[in-house]
Amino acid sequence: MESLTTLSALRTLLRWQNITEIQPDGGGGLRCFSVWPTGKWLPQIEFVFDHKVTTLIQLGFGPWHSHYERYQDERRNFRQAVAVARALINGSRCLLVERSALGKYLASGPFRISQLPMSLPAECARVERLVFDHPAVDVDIDFSRYYRGKYSLIEHSYREKLKRIFKGTKNERLFD
């Protein structure tokens, strides 16, 4: 199989020039292409590939990472990851990082800049917004918008939608 990309091609695809190849900790035959922000203390975006760059293992940013395995076609998976990385770089998407009261990492994921999660882990006490090439900032969350369940906080309108979907099924009471 032909390589999915090169450093030069990735720079063109992402419209960002400061991309280098680094050796991941432990190596293991992996190749990591890092997309560096202008401030070296800020988190980079990382594409981790197999040693021949024929399979994307994961895309990561800050504490988040995702595996792109939806399609049998590795090129299609790679294009999907490039689209997410481009959205992070151009600022149309950010990473929301959910933390406990003690600052422990709970979960994270990419969102539109103005979007908030419809559900949060039950122990979530604060959310940080991480935009590529900018320091993290705390997000004001109105926790009264969320129903507190045993394992998670669910936005009231989303909870009502889920209750309608599962009405009459064995999972009907999951959202009470």
Protein backbone atom coordinates (compact mmCIF):
# COMPACT_ATOMS: atom_id res chain seq x y z
CA MET A 1 0.00 0.00 0.00
CA GLU A 2 1.12 3.52 -0.80
CA SER A 3 1.92 6.00 2.00
CA LEU A 4 -1.07 8.09 3.16
CA THR A 5 0.93 11.32 3.30
CA THR A 6 4.28 13.01 3.62
CA LEU A 7 5.28 15.98 5.75
CA SER A 8 5.09 18.23 2.71
CA ALA A 9 1.65 16.93 1.68
CA LEU A 10 0.32 17.25 5.25
CA ARG A 11 1.50 20.87 5.40
CA THR A 12 -0.49 21.56 2.24
CA LEU A 13 -3.58 19.66 3.41
CA LEU A 14 -3.65 21.45 6.77
CA ARG A 15 -2.53 24.84 5.47
CA TRP A 16 0.02 24.95 8.33
CA GLN A 17 3.77 24.94 7.82
CA ASN A 18 5.16 24.08 11.25
CA ILE A 19 4.79 20.30 11.10
CA THR A 20 7.62 17.97 12.07
CA GLU A 21 8.14 14.26 12.48
CA ILE A 22 8.99 13.24 16.03
CA GLN A 23 9.82 9.85 17.52
CA PRO A 24 7.01 8.87 19.93
CA ASP A 25 7.97 7.67 23.41
CA GLY A 26 8.82 4.01 23.19
CA GLY A 27 8.92 4.25 19.39
CA GLY A 28 7.62 0.80 18.55
CA GLY A 29 7.96 1.48 14.84
CA LEU A 30 5.39 4.27 14.94
CA ARG A 31 5.77 7.58 13.14
CA CYS A 32 4.31 10.77 14.58
CA PHE A 33 3.74 13.97 12.63
CA SER A 34 3.28 16.90 15.03
CA VAL A 35 1.48 20.10 14.08
CA TRP A 36 3.06 22.79 16.25
CA PRO A 37 1.31 25.94 17.45
CA THR A 38 3.26 29.20 17.44
CA GLY A 39 3.71 28.95 21.22
CA LYS A 40 5.80 25.83 21.93
CA TRP A 41 4.25 25.53 25.43
CA LEU A 42 0.81 24.99 23.88
CA PRO A 43 -0.38 21.49 22.93
CA GLN A 44 0.27 20.25 19.42
CA ILE A 45 -1.92 18.14 17.17
CA GLU A 46 -0.43 14.71 16.51
CA PHE A 47 -1.00 12.23 13.71
CA VAL A 48 0.34 8.81 14.75
CA PHE A 49 0.93 6.33 11.90
CA ASP A 50 2.37 2.87 11.48
CA HIS A 51 6.04 2.79 10.42
CA LYS A 52 5.17 2.94 6.69
CA VAL A 53 2.53 5.70 7.09
CA THR A 54 -0.05 3.41 5.49
CA THR A 55 -2.36 3.29 8.54
CA LEU A 56 -3.40 6.19 10.77
CA ILE A 57 -3.30 4.86 14.35
CA GLN A 58 -4.75 7.99 15.95
CA LEU A 59 -5.20 11.74 15.82
CA GLY A 60 -4.59 13.57 19.10
CA PHE A 61 -4.79 17.07 20.55
CA GLY A 62 -4.10 17.86 24.20
CA PRO A 63 -5.51 15.04 26.36
CA TRP A 64 -7.88 13.86 23.60
CA HIS A 65 -7.28 11.32 20.87
CA SER A 66 -9.45 9.43 18.42
CA HIS A 67 -9.03 6.37 16.23
CA TYR A 68 -10.25 6.71 12.67
CA GLU A 69 -11.37 3.18 11.77
CA ARG A 70 -14.89 3.76 10.48
CA TYR A 71 -14.10 2.81 6.90
CA GLN A 72 -12.19 -0.10 5.38
CA ASP A 73 -10.43 2.43 3.16
CA GLU A 74 -7.47 3.90 5.11
CA ARG A 75 -7.36 6.93 2.80
CA ARG A 76 -10.97 7.76 3.67
CA ASN A 77 -10.21 7.43 7.40
CA PHE A 78 -7.18 9.67 6.95
CA ARG A 79 -9.23 12.31 5.08
CA GLN A 80 -11.74 12.33 7.95
CA ALA A 81 -8.92 12.93 10.47
CA VAL A 82 -7.45 15.70 8.28
CA ALA A 83 -10.86 17.43 8.22
CA VAL A 84 -11.01 17.37 12.03
CA ALA A 85 -7.42 18.61 12.36
CA ARG A 86 -8.06 21.41 9.84
CA ALA A 87 -11.16 22.49 11.81
CA LEU A 88 -9.09 22.55 15.02
CA ILE A 89 -6.33 24.57 13.34
CA ASN A 90 -8.65 27.14 11.77
CA GLY A 91 -10.59 27.56 15.03
CA SER A 92 -14.00 26.37 13.83
CA ARG A 93 -13.68 23.48 16.32
CA CYS A 94 -12.19 23.37 19.79
CA LEU A 95 -11.57 20.71 22.39
CA LEU A 96 -13.78 20.72 25.48
CA VAL A 97 -12.01 19.10 28.43
CA GLU A 98 -14.21 17.93 31.30
CA ARG A 99 -12.62 17.91 34.77
CA SER A 100 -13.56 17.01 38.35
CA ALA A 101 -13.52 19.49 41.23
CA LEU A 102 -9.91 18.41 41.92
CA GLY A 103 -8.93 18.97 38.29
CA LYS A 104 -8.82 15.29 37.35
CA TYR A 105 -9.31 14.65 33.64
CA LEU A 106 -12.67 12.97 32.95
CA ALA A 107 -13.33 13.23 29.22
CA SER A 108 -12.86 15.46 26.18
CA GLY A 109 -13.93 15.85 22.60
CA PRO A 110 -14.06 18.26 19.67
CA PHE A 111 -16.98 20.71 19.51
CA ARG A 112 -17.98 23.83 17.62
CA ILE A 113 -16.70 26.91 19.46
CA SER A 114 -20.16 27.93 20.72
CA GLN A 115 -21.33 24.38 21.48
CA LEU A 116 -21.56 22.72 24.89
CA PRO A 117 -21.86 18.99 25.57
CA MET A 118 -25.37 17.56 25.90
CA SER A 119 -24.07 15.25 28.62
CA LEU A 120 -21.21 15.36 31.10
CA PRO A 121 -19.75 12.82 33.53
CA ALA A 122 -21.56 12.96 36.90
CA GLU A 123 -18.41 14.14 38.70
CA CYS A 124 -17.78 16.99 36.24
CA ALA A 125 -17.23 20.28 38.04
CA ARG A 126 -15.65 22.39 35.29
CA VAL A 127 -14.99 22.46 31.56
CA GLU A 128 -11.99 23.95 29.75
CA ARG A 129 -12.02 25.11 26.13
CA LEU A 130 -8.81 24.38 24.27
CA VAL A 131 -8.43 26.15 20.93
CA PHE A 132 -5.37 25.32 18.83
CA ASP A 133 -2.62 27.92 19.21
CA HIS A 134 -4.30 29.48 22.29
CA PRO A 135 -4.10 28.73 26.02
CA ALA A 136 -6.99 26.83 27.64
CA VAL A 137 -9.79 28.88 29.18
CA ASP A 138 -12.51 27.89 31.62
CA VAL A 139 -16.04 27.69 30.18
CA ASP A 140 -18.96 29.02 32.17
CA ILE A 141 -21.36 26.09 32.55
CA ASP A 142 -24.83 26.55 33.99
CA PHE A 143 -25.18 23.19 35.69
CA SER A 144 -28.90 23.85 36.31
CA ARG A 145 -29.35 23.11 32.56
CA TYR A 146 -28.47 19.48 33.33
CA TYR A 147 -30.38 16.66 34.97
CA ARG A 148 -28.13 14.90 37.49
CA GLY A 149 -28.32 11.16 36.96
CA LYS A 150 -26.39 8.42 38.72
CA TYR A 151 -23.55 8.35 36.16
CA SER A 152 -23.95 11.52 34.14
CA LEU A 153 -25.39 14.99 33.80
CA ILE A 154 -27.81 15.21 30.86
CA GLU A 155 -29.11 18.45 29.39
CA HIS A 156 -32.84 18.61 30.24
CA SER A 157 -34.03 18.93 26.62
CA TYR A 158 -31.77 16.05 25.54
CA ARG A 159 -33.05 13.93 28.44
CA GLU A 160 -36.66 14.54 27.35
CA LYS A 161 -35.76 13.52 23.80
CA LEU A 162 -34.13 10.32 25.08
CA LYS A 163 -37.15 9.53 27.24
CA ARG A 164 -39.42 9.81 24.16
CA ILE A 165 -37.09 7.60 22.11
CA PHE A 166 -36.94 4.86 24.74
CA LYS A 167 -40.58 5.05 25.84
CA GLY A 168 -42.09 1.57 25.96
CA THR A 169 -38.72 -0.21 25.95
CA LYS A 170 -36.78 -1.95 28.71
CA ASN A 171 -34.53 1.16 28.85
CA GLU A 172 -37.44 3.54 29.47
CA ARG A 173 -36.46 4.22 33.09
CA LEU A 174 -32.78 4.96 32.38
CA PHE A 175 -33.49 8.69 32.28
CA ASP A 176 -35.73 9.02 35.37
